[in-house]
Amino acid sequence: MDVGEILRKHDLLSEDQLAQARQAQTNGQRADQIAVSMGLVTEEATLRALAEEMGLEYVDLTETEIDLSVLSGFPQRLIHRHTIFPLRRDNGSLTVATCDPFELYPLDEASAALHIPITPVLAGRGEISKLIKTHLGVGSETVEGLLAQADEQEVELLESIETDGSELSEMAQEASVVRLVNEILLEAIESRASDVHIESQPSGMRIRYRIDGILHSQPVPPEITRFQAAIISRLKIMSRLNIAEKRLPQDGRIKLKVSGREVDVRMSVIPMIHGEGIVMRLLDKGRMQLSLKAVGMDEALYTQFQELIHLPHGIILVTGPTGSGKTTTLYSSLLEINRPGIKIITTEDPVEYQLEGINQIQVHSKIGLTFAHSLRSILRHDPDVVLVGEIRDLETAENAIQASLTGHLVFSTLHTNDAASAYTRLVDMGVEPFLVASTVEAVMAQRLVRTLCPSCKASYQPKRADLPDDFPWEDFEQGPGELFQPVGCRECRQLGYQGRIGIFELLLTNEEVRQHAHDGSSSWTIKEAGLANGMRTLRDDGWLKVLDGRTTVDEVLRVTKGDIVVRRPAGKA
C-alpha cells in the first residue's frame, strides 16, 4: 500500500491534506515526510501507523533501556549518516532503532559487518539524535570525519570573517572544524543554554552549558581534544579576535542566524594553566520575552511597580547578583513606558538587546566613554527617562542623582544582596545620605528560580520537619495542601525544570525609610522599616511561588537565605 494511503487508512490525513502533501513532493520525498514537515501530522503518529502496517514495533526511547555494550564494533558512520542506534541483543539478533522503515541499506550493511541479524524498531528522529549526542557526544560525527548532508546550513554567520592565511587559521577553516563548532553552538541554543563554557583541563577539553542558571556537563567524545586548538581558533576567527594571541584575555562578539532566529554571542577568552578557556554568552533574541508579567510579578507587585515606572522623576534601582535577571526587568520596564511622547536613552555595558524606539549607548571604557561620561552627555539630549546600566562608582552615582534632581526618571542597577542594602551602598560610595533619601524612590531586589516542567512535575505531601522554619506552613495547610517536585521527561530533557521566573523584594521609600536613609541608618534598620510597611522579602515571594506549584523548596533555598529580621506588626514603630 502507498504510504500516503496508509496515513489515510489510519485517519491521520484527510483526502485534501494528502493531495496537498503530494503536490508539495520534490526530490523523491515521500508523502509522509512532506506531511510531517508541513505539520499536518506528527512524526510519532506516522511512525506508529507505519509500524502497525509493517509488523514492526514502535518504541519510546525515553522509557527504553539501552545496552551500551552493543555500541562497541557497531559502525558509527552508519549511526550518524542514517540516524540509527543499536539498543540491545535479543535472542541472537541485534535490535536497532531507525526513524525510516523504508531505508533498509544501513541495516543490511550493519548486519553484514557484525555477522548478526538485525531487528529494526521505529523511533522518532529527534529521540534517536538525543541518544547519539548523549552517548557519543556533541559533534561526534565530525570527529569521525563525516560532514553534514543537509541542504542548508543551520548556523549562519551574519558578518563576514577574515583570516590571516596562517596554518592555524587554515586548520580552523576546515569543513569538519566548522561543522563541529556549529554543532556545539546549535546544541547549546536548542538546549536553551545562556552560556557555553569550553574549558581546558589536564585530561582534555570539557564543554558545559548553563541551562536555567545551572551548569551541565555536555558529553563529548574523548577524541575531541585533538581538535581543541582548531575549535578555539575557529571561535576566535568568528569573533574577529587575534588567533595568535594566547597570553592575554580577549573579548569579542559573534552574530549568528540559527533556524531563522538571530542570536548574539558575546565571547570571552582567558589564558588558563592548561590552555585557553572560553565562555560564550548566548543572547537569543527570538526567545526573549520582555514583559513585566512574564518575568514572574504577581498582580499586586505589578500594580505597585507600574506606578513607580510612571513617576515623573526619581531613581528606581534593581539589585541582585550577575545573572539574576536585572537587565530583563529594566528592559521590560522601558518597553512598558515607551511611547512617542517620551524620549528614553540608555547607557549600557554591553548593549544586550536592541530595543525599537529607544536610544542606546554602548560604553567603551578604553576610550573614556564610561557610564559617568556618557550620562553627562545624555542629559544634553533632552531625555525624559534614562537607564544607566550599573552604578559602579561615586561619579556615576552623583550624575544619576543629579539627573533625577533635574526632573528625569532614572533606572539603574546595583550589586547588593537585598533591597535595603542599596541605600547604605550608595552612602558607602560617598553619596551624601540626604541626597540618597531625596532621590531614590524604590529599590527592587530579585533572583531567578527554575520553574517546574509542567509536563512531568509530581505532587507530594511534605512533613513539617522536612521544611525550613520560615516556610509558611499555615498558608500551606489552608491552601493547596500539596507541593511539587521535579521528575524529568523528554520535554525538559530529563531535568525536571523548564525556564525560570523571578522572585522579588520591592522596598518603597516611604517617609520612615526616607528618614532612616537620611540619618545614615544601617540596612538592618531600613529593612525593618520596609517590613513594617508590608514589604515582602525575596524568601517570602519564593514561598508564594512554591505554594503556587511553580517552583520547589530546593530552588528557593538555593537562591535565598532565611529572613532573620524580627518583624514588627504593620503600622507600629
Protein backbone atom coordinates (compact mmCIF):
# COMPACT_ATOMS: atom_id res chain seq x y z
CA MET A 1 0.00 0.00 0.00
CA ASP A 2 1.19 3.51 -0.82
CA VAL A 3 2.48 5.30 2.28
CA GLY A 4 0.00 8.13 1.79
CA GLU A 5 -2.85 5.64 1.72
CA ILE A 6 -1.57 4.15 4.99
CA LEU A 7 -1.96 7.54 6.64
CA ARG A 8 -5.45 7.86 5.13
CA LYS A 9 -6.36 4.39 6.37
CA HIS A 10 -5.43 5.37 9.92
CA ASP A 11 -7.37 8.66 9.66
CA LEU A 12 -4.21 10.70 10.08
CA LEU A 13 -4.75 12.69 6.86
CA SER A 14 -7.84 13.79 5.00
CA GLU A 15 -8.11 13.47 1.21
CA ASP A 16 -7.38 17.18 0.83
CA GLN A 17 -4.36 17.03 3.14
CA LEU A 18 -2.94 14.02 1.31
CA ALA A 19 -3.40 15.81 -2.01
CA GLN A 20 -1.70 18.88 -0.53
CA ALA A 21 1.26 16.77 0.64
CA ARG A 22 1.61 15.02 -2.73
CA GLN A 23 1.52 18.33 -4.56
CA ALA A 24 4.45 19.55 -2.44
CA GLN A 25 6.59 16.44 -3.12
CA THR A 26 10.03 17.20 -4.62
CA ASN A 27 13.35 15.39 -4.93
CA GLY A 28 11.86 11.97 -4.24
CA GLN A 29 10.44 12.85 -0.81
CA ARG A 30 7.63 10.60 0.37
CA ALA A 31 4.15 11.89 1.18
CA ASP A 32 4.54 11.04 4.89
CA GLN A 33 7.77 13.05 5.14
CA ILE A 34 6.13 16.05 3.46
CA ALA A 35 3.05 15.79 5.69
CA VAL A 36 5.20 15.77 8.84
CA SER A 37 7.27 18.75 7.66
CA MET A 38 4.07 20.68 6.86
CA GLY A 39 2.66 19.98 10.34
CA LEU A 40 -0.32 18.02 9.00
CA VAL A 41 0.57 15.00 11.15
CA THR A 42 3.08 14.27 13.90
CA GLU A 43 6.11 12.10 13.34
CA GLU A 44 5.09 9.81 16.23
CA ALA A 45 1.62 9.18 14.82
CA THR A 46 3.09 8.47 11.37
CA LEU A 47 5.66 6.01 12.72
CA ARG A 48 3.06 4.22 14.84
CA ALA A 49 0.83 3.76 11.77
CA LEU A 50 3.75 2.51 9.65
CA ALA A 51 4.85 0.15 12.43
CA GLU A 52 1.36 -1.36 12.62
CA GLU A 53 1.15 -1.84 8.84
CA MET A 54 4.66 -3.30 8.52
CA GLY A 55 4.56 -5.54 11.57
CA LEU A 56 7.25 -3.56 13.40
CA GLU A 57 7.46 -2.26 16.96
CA TYR A 58 7.35 1.45 17.83
CA VAL A 59 9.43 2.29 20.92
CA ASP A 60 9.60 5.31 23.21
CA LEU A 61 13.35 5.71 23.68
CA THR A 62 12.93 7.76 26.87
CA GLU A 63 11.49 4.64 28.51
CA THR A 64 13.71 2.05 26.81
CA GLU A 65 16.76 0.51 28.46
CA ILE A 66 19.87 0.83 26.29
CA ASP A 67 22.66 -1.76 26.39
CA LEU A 68 25.69 0.43 25.65
CA SER A 69 27.92 -2.62 25.16
CA VAL A 70 26.32 -3.16 21.72
CA LEU A 71 27.85 0.15 20.57
CA SER A 72 31.25 -1.49 20.55
CA GLY A 73 32.01 -2.52 16.99
CA PHE A 74 28.83 -1.04 15.52
CA PRO A 75 29.77 1.15 12.51
CA GLN A 76 29.50 4.73 13.86
CA ARG A 77 29.38 6.22 10.37
CA LEU A 78 26.02 4.45 9.86
CA ILE A 79 24.72 5.83 13.17
CA HIS A 80 25.46 9.41 12.17
CA ARG A 81 24.69 9.25 8.47
CA HIS A 82 21.38 7.40 8.71
CA THR A 83 20.22 8.29 12.25
CA ILE A 84 20.04 4.76 13.61
CA PHE A 85 21.08 3.47 17.04
CA PRO A 86 21.67 -0.07 18.37
CA LEU A 87 19.62 -0.78 21.50
CA ARG A 88 20.18 -4.37 22.70
CA ARG A 89 20.77 -8.00 21.79
CA ASP A 90 17.69 -10.24 21.73
CA ASN A 91 17.81 -13.98 21.05
CA GLY A 92 20.82 -13.85 18.77
CA SER A 93 19.76 -10.70 16.88
CA LEU A 94 20.55 -7.02 17.35
CA THR A 95 17.65 -4.58 17.88
CA VAL A 96 18.31 -1.26 16.12
CA ALA A 97 16.16 1.87 16.28
CA THR A 98 15.50 3.66 13.00
CA CYS A 99 13.25 6.54 12.02
CA ASP A 100 12.78 5.36 8.42
CA PRO A 101 11.39 1.84 7.87
CA PHE A 102 11.94 2.14 4.11
CA GLU A 103 15.70 2.73 4.35
CA LEU A 104 16.99 -0.82 4.71
CA TYR A 105 20.51 -0.38 3.31
CA PRO A 106 22.20 0.77 6.56
CA LEU A 107 20.61 -2.10 8.48
CA ASP A 108 21.80 -4.61 5.87
CA GLU A 109 25.29 -3.12 5.95
CA ALA A 110 25.42 -3.27 9.76
CA SER A 111 24.21 -6.88 9.70
CA ALA A 112 26.92 -7.84 7.20
CA ALA A 113 29.63 -6.03 9.21
CA LEU A 114 28.65 -7.61 12.54
CA HIS A 115 27.60 -11.02 11.16
CA ILE A 116 24.36 -10.87 13.14
CA PRO A 117 20.70 -10.48 12.12
CA ILE A 118 19.20 -7.01 12.64
CA THR A 119 15.70 -6.46 14.08
CA PRO A 120 14.51 -2.91 13.31
CA VAL A 121 12.21 -0.94 15.61
CA LEU A 122 10.80 2.50 14.88
CA ALA A 123 11.51 5.63 16.95
CA GLY A 124 11.40 9.39 16.42
CA ARG A 125 14.35 11.04 14.65
CA GLY A 126 14.72 13.60 17.44
CA GLU A 127 14.83 10.90 20.14
CA ILE A 128 17.47 8.92 18.22
CA SER A 129 19.53 12.10 17.74
CA LYS A 130 19.40 12.75 21.50
CA LEU A 131 20.70 9.22 22.13
CA ILE A 132 23.56 9.80 19.71
CA LYS A 133 24.56 13.08 21.38
CA THR A 134 24.20 11.66 24.89
CA HIS A 135 26.26 8.52 24.33
CA LEU A 136 28.65 9.54 21.56
CA GLY A 137 28.95 13.26 22.37
CA VAL A 138 28.23 16.56 20.64
CA GLY A 139 29.98 16.74 17.30
CA SER A 140 30.96 13.07 17.35
CA GLU A 141 30.09 12.68 13.67
CA THR A 142 32.58 15.43 12.84
CA VAL A 143 35.28 13.77 14.87
CA GLU A 144 34.65 10.68 12.76
CA GLY A 145 35.27 12.86 9.71
CA LEU A 146 31.70 12.99 8.48
CA LEU A 147 30.20 16.17 7.09
CA ALA A 148 26.60 17.27 7.27
CA GLN A 149 24.39 16.13 4.43
CA ALA A 150 21.83 18.88 4.98
CA ASP A 151 20.86 21.05 2.05
CA GLU A 152 21.28 24.27 4.02
CA GLN A 153 23.40 25.42 6.92
CA GLU A 154 21.61 25.57 10.28
CA VAL A 155 24.14 28.07 11.67
CA GLU A 156 24.82 31.12 9.50
CA LEU A 157 27.29 33.92 10.24
CA LEU A 158 25.73 37.35 9.70
CA GLU A 159 29.12 39.09 9.31
CA SER A 160 31.99 38.19 7.01
CA ILE A 161 35.15 36.87 8.67
CA GLU A 162 38.78 37.41 7.78
CA THR A 163 41.74 35.05 8.11
CA ASP A 164 45.45 35.77 8.16
CA GLY A 165 46.43 32.82 5.99
CA SER A 166 48.44 31.10 8.75
CA GLU A 167 48.48 27.33 9.19
CA LEU A 168 46.40 27.61 12.37
CA SER A 169 43.91 29.81 10.56
CA GLU A 170 43.60 27.39 7.65
CA MET A 171 43.09 24.45 10.02
CA ALA A 172 40.30 26.33 11.78
CA GLN A 173 38.53 26.83 8.44
CA GLU A 174 38.40 23.14 7.53
CA ALA A 175 34.88 21.94 6.88
CA SER A 176 34.93 19.38 9.70
CA VAL A 177 36.05 22.00 12.27
CA VAL A 178 33.40 24.49 11.07
CA ARG A 179 30.77 21.76 11.35
CA LEU A 180 31.97 20.81 14.85
CA VAL A 181 31.80 24.39 16.17
CA ASN A 182 28.37 24.87 14.59
CA GLU A 183 27.19 21.67 16.27
CA ILE A 184 28.34 22.90 19.70
CA LEU A 185 26.53 26.23 19.24
CA LEU A 186 23.39 24.65 17.79
CA GLU A 187 23.07 22.14 20.63
CA ALA A 188 23.53 24.94 23.19
CA ILE A 189 20.81 27.08 21.58
CA GLU A 190 18.40 24.15 21.29
CA SER A 191 19.04 23.35 24.97
CA ARG A 192 18.08 26.94 25.91
CA ALA A 193 21.58 27.48 27.34
CA SER A 194 22.51 31.01 28.37
CA ASP A 195 26.26 30.32 28.40
CA VAL A 196 28.70 27.86 26.84
CA HIS A 197 31.88 27.05 28.79
CA ILE A 198 34.77 25.47 26.86
CA GLU A 199 37.47 24.63 29.40
CA SER A 200 40.98 23.24 29.13
CA GLN A 201 41.57 20.51 31.72
CA PRO A 202 44.58 18.21 32.32
CA SER A 203 42.50 15.34 30.90
CA GLY A 204 41.46 17.30 27.81
CA MET A 205 38.65 19.62 26.76
CA ARG A 206 35.42 19.96 28.72
CA ILE A 207 32.20 21.59 27.46
CA ARG A 208 29.47 22.75 29.84
CA TYR A 209 26.18 24.52 29.15
CA ARG A 210 24.48 26.80 31.69
CA ILE A 211 20.78 25.99 31.44
CA ASP A 212 18.36 27.90 33.69
CA GLY A 213 21.26 29.09 35.82
CA ILE A 214 22.83 25.64 36.45
CA LEU A 215 25.93 24.29 34.67
CA HIS A 216 25.52 20.90 32.96
CA SER A 217 28.45 18.92 31.55
CA GLN A 218 27.97 18.03 27.90
CA PRO A 219 29.05 14.57 26.76
CA VAL A 220 31.82 14.83 24.16
CA PRO A 221 33.94 12.12 22.54
CA PRO A 222 37.45 11.91 24.04
CA GLU A 223 38.97 12.41 20.58
CA ILE A 224 37.63 15.96 20.51
CA THR A 225 40.70 17.09 22.49
CA ARG A 226 42.75 16.70 19.30
CA PHE A 227 40.60 19.44 17.75
CA GLN A 228 40.88 21.81 20.72
CA ALA A 229 43.29 24.30 19.12
CA ALA A 230 41.25 24.33 15.91
CA ILE A 231 37.95 24.86 17.80
CA ILE A 232 39.36 27.80 19.78
CA SER A 233 40.90 29.31 16.64
CA ARG A 234 37.61 28.95 14.74
CA LEU A 235 35.71 30.75 17.52
CA LYS A 236 38.35 33.50 17.62
CA ILE A 237 38.06 33.99 13.87
CA MET A 238 34.25 34.14 14.12
CA SER A 239 34.51 36.85 16.80
CA ARG A 240 37.29 38.76 14.99
CA LEU A 241 39.96 38.14 17.65
CA ASN A 242 43.70 37.67 17.24
CA ILE A 243 44.19 33.90 16.92
CA ALA A 244 47.95 34.22 17.51
CA GLU A 245 47.49 35.93 20.91
CA LYS A 246 47.33 33.24 23.59
CA ARG A 247 48.80 35.12 26.56
CA LEU A 248 46.22 37.88 27.13
CA PRO A 249 42.44 37.85 27.67
CA GLN A 250 40.32 38.87 24.67
CA ASP A 251 36.65 39.75 24.24
CA GLY A 252 34.65 39.53 21.05
CA ARG A 253 31.19 39.19 19.56
CA ILE A 254 29.59 36.86 17.03
CA LYS A 255 26.31 37.48 15.19
CA LEU A 256 24.56 34.30 14.06
CA LYS A 257 21.30 33.27 12.46
CA VAL A 258 20.11 29.88 13.71
CA SER A 259 16.99 28.32 12.19
CA GLY A 260 15.87 31.79 11.10
CA ARG A 261 16.43 33.41 14.53
CA GLU A 262 19.14 35.98 15.25
CA VAL A 263 21.47 35.04 18.09
CA ASP A 264 24.10 37.36 19.55
CA VAL A 265 27.14 35.65 21.10
CA ARG A 266 29.45 37.54 23.48
CA MET A 267 32.73 35.69 23.78
CA SER A 268 35.48 35.94 26.39
CA VAL A 269 38.81 34.13 26.08
CA ILE A 270 41.17 33.87 29.05
CA PRO A 271 44.52 32.01 29.17
CA MET A 272 44.47 29.24 31.81
CA ILE A 273 47.17 26.87 33.08
CA HIS A 274 46.23 24.07 30.68
CA GLY A 275 45.22 26.25 27.73
CA GLU A 276 42.71 28.91 26.82
CA GLY A 277 39.26 28.92 28.39
CA ILE A 278 36.24 30.29 26.52
CA VAL A 279 32.87 31.44 27.84
CA MET A 280 30.18 32.45 25.37
CA ARG A 281 27.02 34.28 26.46
CA LEU A 282 24.16 33.43 24.10
CA LEU A 283 21.55 36.15 23.58
CA ASP A 284 18.70 34.55 21.68
CA LYS A 285 16.51 37.45 20.56
CA GLY A 286 13.78 35.13 19.27
CA ARG A 287 13.17 33.64 22.73
CA MET A 288 13.47 36.83 24.73
CA GLN A 289 10.21 37.80 26.46
CA LEU A 290 10.34 41.42 27.61
CA SER A 291 7.26 41.73 29.78
CA LEU A 292 6.97 42.54 33.49
CA LYS A 293 4.22 39.95 33.91
CA ALA A 294 6.28 37.31 32.08
CA VAL A 295 9.22 37.71 34.49
CA GLY A 296 7.07 36.49 37.38
CA MET A 297 5.50 39.53 39.06
CA ASP A 298 2.13 38.83 40.66
CA GLU A 299 -0.75 41.26 40.17
CA ALA A 300 -0.20 43.27 43.36
CA LEU A 301 3.53 43.74 42.79
CA TYR A 302 2.96 44.53 39.11
CA THR A 303 0.48 47.27 40.04
CA GLN A 304 2.94 48.80 42.54
CA PHE A 305 5.82 48.70 40.09
CA GLN A 306 3.67 50.17 37.32
CA GLU A 307 3.05 53.25 39.47
CA LEU A 308 6.78 53.62 40.10
CA ILE A 309 7.91 53.44 36.46
CA HIS A 310 5.42 56.16 35.54
CA LEU A 311 6.81 58.65 38.07
CA PRO A 312 7.99 61.97 36.57
CA HIS A 313 11.41 61.88 38.28
CA GLY A 314 13.50 59.99 40.83
CA ILE A 315 15.73 56.92 40.88
CA ILE A 316 14.49 53.32 40.69
CA LEU A 317 17.15 50.71 41.45
CA VAL A 318 17.14 46.99 40.66
CA THR A 319 19.64 44.94 42.65
CA GLY A 320 20.95 41.41 42.62
CA PRO A 321 23.97 39.34 41.58
CA THR A 322 25.06 38.74 37.98
CA GLY A 323 22.54 36.62 36.12
CA SER A 324 19.57 37.47 38.34
CA GLY A 325 17.51 39.00 35.52
CA LYS A 326 18.06 42.68 36.30
CA THR A 327 18.53 43.64 32.64
CA THR A 328 15.34 41.83 31.61
CA THR A 329 13.35 43.66 34.30
CA LEU A 330 14.75 47.04 33.27
CA TYR A 331 14.19 46.44 29.55
CA SER A 332 10.63 45.29 30.28
CA SER A 333 10.06 48.46 32.32
CA LEU A 334 11.29 50.68 29.48
CA LEU A 335 9.06 48.93 26.95
CA GLU A 336 6.04 49.41 29.26
CA ILE A 337 6.52 53.19 29.27
CA ASN A 338 7.94 53.62 25.76
CA ARG A 339 5.73 55.79 23.56
CA PRO A 340 6.30 58.59 21.00
CA GLY A 341 5.87 61.33 23.62
CA ILE A 342 8.76 60.10 25.80
CA LYS A 343 12.46 60.13 24.95
CA ILE A 344 14.38 57.25 26.54
CA ILE A 345 18.18 57.00 26.42
CA THR A 346 20.24 54.15 27.87
CA THR A 347 23.96 53.71 28.53
CA GLU A 348 24.94 50.06 28.85
CA ASP A 349 27.97 47.79 29.05
CA PRO A 350 27.25 45.93 26.85
CA VAL A 351 24.01 46.64 24.97
CA GLU A 352 22.42 43.19 25.25
CA TYR A 353 19.27 43.70 23.17
CA GLN A 354 18.46 46.44 20.71
CA LEU A 355 15.07 47.95 21.54
CA GLU A 356 12.93 49.69 18.92
CA GLY A 357 12.24 53.35 19.74
CA ILE A 358 14.86 53.55 22.49
CA ASN A 359 18.23 55.29 22.08
CA GLN A 360 21.02 53.03 23.35
CA ILE A 361 24.69 53.86 24.01
CA GLN A 362 27.45 51.26 24.24
CA VAL A 363 30.03 52.09 26.93
CA HIS A 364 33.71 51.98 25.82
CA SER A 365 35.88 52.42 28.89
CA LYS A 366 39.13 52.11 26.92
CA ILE A 367 38.41 55.34 25.02
CA GLY A 368 36.97 57.13 28.05
CA LEU A 369 33.27 56.60 27.31
CA THR A 370 32.29 55.47 30.81
CA PHE A 371 28.87 55.39 32.45
CA ALA A 372 29.58 58.73 34.15
CA HIS A 373 30.89 60.40 30.97
CA SER A 374 28.04 59.17 28.77
CA LEU A 375 25.48 60.14 31.43
CA ARG A 376 26.70 63.74 31.42
CA SER A 377 26.28 63.87 27.65
CA ILE A 378 22.87 62.16 27.75
CA LEU A 379 21.39 65.00 29.78
CA ARG A 380 22.16 67.42 26.92
CA HIS A 381 19.91 65.34 24.65
CA ASP A 382 16.73 66.29 26.49
CA PRO A 383 15.68 62.81 27.71
CA ASP A 384 12.65 62.06 29.87
CA VAL A 385 13.86 58.66 31.07
CA VAL A 386 17.45 57.49 31.48
CA LEU A 387 18.76 53.95 32.05
CA VAL A 388 22.28 53.60 33.48
CA GLY A 389 23.45 50.01 33.11
CA GLU A 390 25.13 49.94 36.51
CA ILE A 391 26.17 52.39 39.22
CA ARG A 392 29.76 51.31 39.84
CA ASP A 393 31.42 54.40 41.34
CA LEU A 394 30.80 57.73 43.04
CA GLU A 395 30.96 59.76 39.81
CA THR A 396 28.24 57.68 38.15
CA ALA A 397 26.12 57.76 41.32
CA GLU A 398 26.39 61.56 41.60
CA ASN A 399 25.49 62.02 37.93
CA ALA A 400 22.46 59.72 38.30
CA ILE A 401 21.32 61.69 41.35
CA GLN A 402 21.85 64.97 39.52
CA ALA A 403 19.75 63.67 36.62
CA SER A 404 16.90 62.76 38.96
CA LEU A 405 17.08 66.15 40.72
CA THR A 406 16.74 67.93 37.37
CA GLY A 407 13.46 66.22 36.53
CA HIS A 408 14.45 62.88 34.96
CA LEU A 409 13.35 59.35 35.83
CA VAL A 410 16.50 57.24 36.21
CA PHE A 411 16.67 53.44 36.17
CA SER A 412 19.84 51.64 37.21
CA THR A 413 21.28 48.52 38.88
CA LEU A 414 23.45 47.85 41.90
CA HIS A 415 25.15 44.70 43.17
CA THR A 416 23.66 44.23 46.65
CA ASN A 417 22.16 41.18 48.36
CA ASP A 418 18.85 42.78 49.28
CA ALA A 419 16.84 45.94 48.65
CA ALA A 420 17.68 47.71 51.94
CA SER A 421 21.43 47.43 51.33
CA ALA A 422 21.16 49.67 48.24
CA TYR A 423 20.72 52.79 50.39
CA THR A 424 23.82 52.06 52.50
CA ARG A 425 25.79 51.01 49.41
CA LEU A 426 25.29 54.44 47.82
CA VAL A 427 26.38 56.13 51.06
CA ASP A 428 29.46 53.87 51.18
CA MET A 429 30.33 55.08 47.68
CA GLY A 430 30.45 58.63 49.02
CA VAL A 431 26.99 59.97 48.17
CA GLU A 432 25.53 62.28 50.81
CA PRO A 433 22.77 60.48 52.78
CA PHE A 434 20.30 63.36 52.30
CA LEU A 435 20.70 63.03 48.50
CA VAL A 436 20.04 59.27 48.66
CA ALA A 437 16.96 59.89 50.78
CA SER A 438 15.54 62.56 48.48
CA THR A 439 16.10 60.83 45.12
CA VAL A 440 15.74 57.03 45.49
CA GLU A 441 12.03 56.24 45.10
CA ALA A 442 12.24 52.44 45.36
CA VAL A 443 14.65 49.52 45.27
CA MET A 444 13.78 46.10 43.94
CA ALA A 445 15.96 43.10 44.70
CA GLN A 446 15.46 40.00 42.60
CA ARG A 447 16.65 36.46 41.95
CA LEU A 448 15.75 33.81 39.39
CA VAL A 449 14.40 30.38 40.31
CA ARG A 450 13.86 27.48 37.94
CA THR A 451 10.25 26.64 37.15
CA LEU A 452 8.97 23.09 37.27
CA CYS A 453 8.32 21.35 33.96
CA PRO A 454 4.51 21.32 33.59
CA SER A 455 4.64 18.00 31.73
CA CYS A 456 6.25 15.92 34.47
CA LYS A 457 6.12 17.68 37.86
CA ALA A 458 4.81 15.39 40.60
CA SER A 459 2.89 16.35 43.74
CA TYR A 460 3.87 15.15 47.21
CA GLN A 461 2.83 15.67 50.82
CA PRO A 462 5.68 17.24 52.79
CA LYS A 463 6.31 16.77 56.50
CA ARG A 464 6.68 19.92 58.53
CA ALA A 465 10.01 18.71 59.95
CA ASP A 466 11.45 18.48 56.40
CA LEU A 467 10.71 22.13 55.59
CA PRO A 468 12.65 25.24 56.69
CA ASP A 469 11.50 27.01 59.85
CA ASP A 470 10.33 30.08 57.92
CA PHE A 471 8.17 28.09 55.47
CA PRO A 472 4.56 29.39 55.72
CA TRP A 473 3.06 26.11 56.99
CA GLU A 474 -0.26 27.70 57.98
CA ASP A 475 -0.75 29.09 54.45
CA PHE A 476 0.15 25.68 53.05
CA GLU A 477 -2.47 23.88 55.18
CA GLN A 478 -5.14 26.43 54.32
CA GLY A 479 -4.19 26.47 50.64
CA PRO A 480 -3.09 23.76 48.22
CA GLY A 481 -2.22 21.01 50.73
CA GLU A 482 0.46 19.67 48.36
CA LEU A 483 3.81 20.71 46.91
CA PHE A 484 5.52 19.66 43.71
CA GLN A 485 8.92 18.19 42.88
CA PRO A 486 10.85 17.68 39.61
CA VAL A 487 10.78 14.35 37.77
CA GLY A 488 12.24 14.72 34.26
CA CYS A 489 10.82 13.94 30.82
CA ARG A 490 11.60 14.44 27.15
CA GLU A 491 10.08 17.94 27.17
CA CYS A 492 12.58 19.22 29.76
CA ARG A 493 15.49 16.97 28.67
CA GLN A 494 15.18 14.94 31.88
CA LEU A 495 15.99 17.97 34.07
CA GLY A 496 12.59 18.35 35.72
CA TYR A 497 12.74 22.12 35.22
CA GLN A 498 11.93 24.28 32.21
CA GLY A 499 12.57 28.02 32.22
CA ARG A 500 12.94 30.49 35.08
CA ILE A 501 10.89 33.17 36.80
CA GLY A 502 11.84 36.00 39.12
CA ILE A 503 11.26 36.35 42.82
CA PHE A 504 11.16 39.95 44.01
CA GLU A 505 11.59 42.19 47.05
CA LEU A 506 10.23 45.69 46.46
CA LEU A 507 11.17 48.30 49.06
CA LEU A 508 9.28 51.57 48.62
CA THR A 509 10.90 54.71 50.02
CA ASN A 510 8.14 55.79 52.37
CA GLU A 511 8.63 58.51 54.99
CA GLU A 512 10.12 56.14 57.58
CA VAL A 513 12.58 54.59 55.11
CA ARG A 514 13.46 58.07 53.82
CA GLN A 515 14.22 59.27 57.34
CA HIS A 516 16.44 56.25 58.06
CA ALA A 517 18.30 56.79 54.77
CA HIS A 518 18.73 60.49 55.65
CA ASP A 519 20.12 59.57 59.09
CA GLY A 520 22.57 57.04 57.62
CA SER A 521 20.92 54.12 59.44
CA SER A 522 22.00 50.52 58.89
CA SER A 523 20.48 48.34 56.20
CA TRP A 524 19.01 46.21 59.04
CA THR A 525 17.03 49.19 60.33
CA ILE A 526 15.88 50.15 56.82
CA LYS A 527 14.75 46.56 56.17
CA GLU A 528 12.74 46.53 59.41
CA ALA A 529 11.04 49.76 58.33
CA GLY A 530 10.15 48.18 54.97
CA LEU A 531 8.77 45.05 56.62
CA ALA A 532 6.65 47.14 58.97
CA ASN A 533 5.18 48.79 55.86
CA GLY A 534 4.25 45.44 54.31
CA MET A 535 7.33 44.66 52.21
CA ARG A 536 7.55 41.06 51.03
CA THR A 537 11.09 39.65 51.12
CA LEU A 538 12.74 37.54 48.44
CA ARG A 539 12.22 34.48 50.61
CA ASP A 540 8.52 35.28 51.12
CA ASP A 541 7.97 35.74 47.39
CA GLY A 542 9.78 32.46 46.75
CA TRP A 543 7.49 30.59 49.16
CA LEU A 544 4.44 32.02 47.37
CA LYS A 545 5.70 30.56 44.10
CA VAL A 546 6.32 27.21 45.82
CA LEU A 547 2.74 27.20 47.11
CA ASP A 548 1.53 28.04 43.57
CA GLY A 549 3.30 24.92 42.28
CA ARG A 550 5.62 26.88 40.01
CA THR A 551 8.93 26.02 41.69
CA THR A 552 10.38 23.92 44.51
CA VAL A 553 11.54 24.40 48.09
CA ASP A 554 15.08 23.45 47.00
CA GLU A 555 15.15 26.24 44.39
CA VAL A 556 14.15 28.89 46.93
CA LEU A 557 16.77 27.61 49.37
CA ARG A 558 19.35 27.69 46.58
CA VAL A 559 18.99 31.39 45.77
CA THR A 560 17.87 32.99 49.05
CA LYS A 561 18.88 32.97 52.69
CA GLY A 562 16.50 32.92 55.64
CA ASP A 563 14.94 36.13 56.88
CA ILE A 564 16.23 36.68 60.39
CA VAL A 565 14.82 40.18 60.91
CA VAL A 566 12.42 40.37 63.85
CA ARG A 567 9.19 41.52 62.24
CA ARG A 568 7.04 44.08 63.95
CA PRO A 569 3.30 44.38 63.38
CA ALA A 570 2.39 46.63 60.48
CA GLY A 571 1.82 50.24 61.48
CA LYS A 572 3.83 50.08 64.72
CA ALA A 573 7.10 51.98 65.10
